[in-house]
Every structure is written in structure tokens, then in C-alpha cells.
Amino acid sequence: MPGGHEGVVNRLLVGETLGGEGQVSIWHGRLAPGGHSEAHTHPGSLQIYVGLAGEMVVGDDETEEILSALATAVFPKGTVHFIENRSNEEAEVLVISVPGLR
């Protein structure tokens, strides 16, 4: 797992060798209470976060918003962004990257 992740378990669902052919990757993430991915960027990939369960906070340099079940947040290529579970319950998210991340 990349640095800057704490209390996060990620599982690759679609990737370069799992049907994504480098065009797209889809990760399932579980964030424990207090779990987070520090501010980071993906210079070559757009990312879409889709909340599945619980409640997380996502944001960029200027804004932050609550990501709950079926809510989405889109981060264009090169946008610095983060995700945090500030609640007392586990949260789940799908992260879709175009083109795919390894």
C-alpha cells in the first residue's frame, strides 16, 4: 500500500491484469474509524470515489464534503485530494481511476 494510508484496507477489483488493461482500475477500500489517506495526487489519472457504506470526508486543497452511500466525488488528473473516516464506524468506498493505477 502506498505511504500515507493508515487504517485502510484496499482490494484491487479491476486492474491491468484483472480486465482493466491499463485503461481503468477499481479498488474497494475499507476505512476503520480514524482511517485515512493523506493528501496526495495522481498526475495521470482522474479518480472517482463512490461511497458504499458509512460516512467519510473527502476533499481537495479548497473544499471538503461528506461522502455517504452512493454519493460521489470526482478528482481530475493532478488534483491533490484526501479521504478520512472521522466517524466511529467502519466506512467503505469504491475508487475508480482512469487510466488505471497499479
Protein backbone atom coordinates (compact mmCIF):
# COMPACT_ATOMS: atom_id res chain seq x y z
CA MET A 1 0.00 0.00 0.00
CA PRO A 2 1.32 3.49 -0.78
CA GLY A 3 2.59 5.60 2.11
CA GLY A 4 0.22 7.98 3.82
CA HIS A 5 -2.50 5.38 4.39
CA GLU A 6 -3.49 4.42 7.91
CA GLY A 7 -6.45 2.27 8.98
CA VAL A 8 -7.24 1.49 5.33
CA VAL A 9 -7.52 -1.90 3.64
CA ASN A 10 -7.68 -1.77 -0.16
CA ARG A 11 -8.51 -4.61 -2.53
CA LEU A 12 -7.98 -4.35 -6.28
CA LEU A 13 -11.14 -5.46 -8.13
CA VAL A 14 -10.26 -4.40 -11.70
CA GLY A 15 -6.73 -3.62 -12.84
CA GLU A 16 -4.16 -4.14 -15.53
CA THR A 17 -4.18 -7.94 -15.13
CA LEU A 18 -7.78 -8.15 -13.90
CA GLY A 19 -9.63 -6.96 -17.00
CA GLY A 20 -8.78 -3.25 -16.85
CA GLU A 21 -5.95 -3.50 -19.40
CA GLY A 22 -4.43 -0.31 -18.00
CA GLN A 23 -7.48 1.73 -19.02
CA VAL A 24 -9.26 1.64 -15.66
CA SER A 25 -8.72 0.37 -12.14
CA ILE A 26 -11.33 -0.14 -9.45
CA TRP A 27 -10.39 -0.54 -5.81
CA HIS A 28 -12.61 -1.41 -2.84
CA GLY A 29 -11.50 0.35 0.33
CA ARG A 30 -12.43 -0.18 3.96
CA LEU A 31 -11.61 2.64 6.34
CA ALA A 32 -11.59 1.94 10.06
CA PRO A 33 -12.68 4.76 12.36
CA GLY A 34 -9.91 7.33 12.05
CA GLY A 35 -8.61 5.66 8.87
CA HIS A 36 -7.35 7.95 6.16
CA SER A 37 -5.34 8.51 3.03
CA GLU A 38 -3.31 11.69 3.39
CA ALA A 39 -3.40 14.40 0.74
CA HIS A 40 -1.88 13.05 -2.47
CA THR A 41 -2.22 13.33 -6.23
CA HIS A 42 -2.31 11.12 -9.30
CA PRO A 43 -0.82 13.26 -12.09
CA GLY A 44 -2.01 10.95 -14.86
CA SER A 45 -5.37 9.68 -13.58
CA LEU A 46 -8.83 11.05 -12.89
CA GLN A 47 -10.34 9.46 -9.76
CA ILE A 48 -13.96 8.89 -8.85
CA TYR A 49 -14.86 7.98 -5.26
CA VAL A 50 -18.20 6.24 -4.69
CA GLY A 51 -19.36 5.83 -1.10
CA LEU A 52 -20.69 2.36 -0.30
CA ALA A 53 -21.27 2.35 3.46
CA GLY A 54 -20.70 4.62 6.40
CA GLU A 55 -19.57 8.20 6.09
CA MET A 56 -16.23 9.64 5.00
CA VAL A 57 -14.86 13.11 4.37
CA VAL A 58 -13.16 13.72 1.03
CA GLY A 59 -11.63 16.89 -0.21
CA ASP A 60 -9.00 18.79 -2.12
CA ASP A 61 -6.97 21.92 -1.42
CA GLU A 62 -10.10 24.10 -1.27
CA THR A 63 -13.14 22.09 -0.23
CA GLU A 64 -14.27 19.03 1.66
CA GLU A 65 -17.53 17.13 1.58
CA ILE A 66 -19.25 14.19 3.21
CA LEU A 67 -19.20 11.00 1.17
CA SER A 68 -22.01 8.63 2.20
CA ALA A 69 -23.58 5.63 0.46
CA LEU A 70 -23.91 6.20 -3.31
CA ALA A 71 -22.54 9.74 -3.11
CA THR A 72 -19.66 10.52 -5.47
CA ALA A 73 -16.66 12.81 -5.59
CA VAL A 74 -14.56 13.38 -8.72
CA PHE A 75 -10.92 14.47 -8.65
CA PRO A 76 -9.46 15.49 -12.02
CA LYS A 77 -5.93 14.47 -13.00
CA GLY A 78 -3.35 16.08 -10.77
CA THR A 79 -5.80 17.30 -8.09
CA VAL A 80 -4.45 16.98 -4.56
CA HIS A 81 -7.07 15.09 -2.55
CA PHE A 82 -7.63 13.10 0.65
CA ILE A 83 -10.16 10.80 2.30
CA GLU A 84 -10.80 10.37 6.04
CA ASN A 85 -13.19 8.38 8.18
CA ARG A 86 -13.98 10.78 11.03
CA SER A 87 -16.85 8.63 12.31
CA ASN A 88 -16.92 5.86 14.91
CA GLU A 89 -17.99 3.21 12.37
CA GLU A 90 -16.21 1.46 9.50
CA ALA A 91 -16.76 3.01 6.06
CA GLU A 92 -16.44 1.58 2.55
CA VAL A 93 -15.64 3.22 -0.79
CA LEU A 94 -15.02 2.30 -4.43
CA VAL A 95 -12.21 4.21 -6.10
CA ILE A 96 -12.28 4.24 -9.91
CA SER A 97 -9.17 5.54 -11.68
CA VAL A 98 -8.94 6.40 -15.40
CA PRO A 99 -6.46 5.46 -16.70
CA GLY A 100 -5.90 2.69 -14.21
CA LEU A 101 -3.47 2.73 -11.31
CA ARG A 102 -1.37 -0.30 -10.46
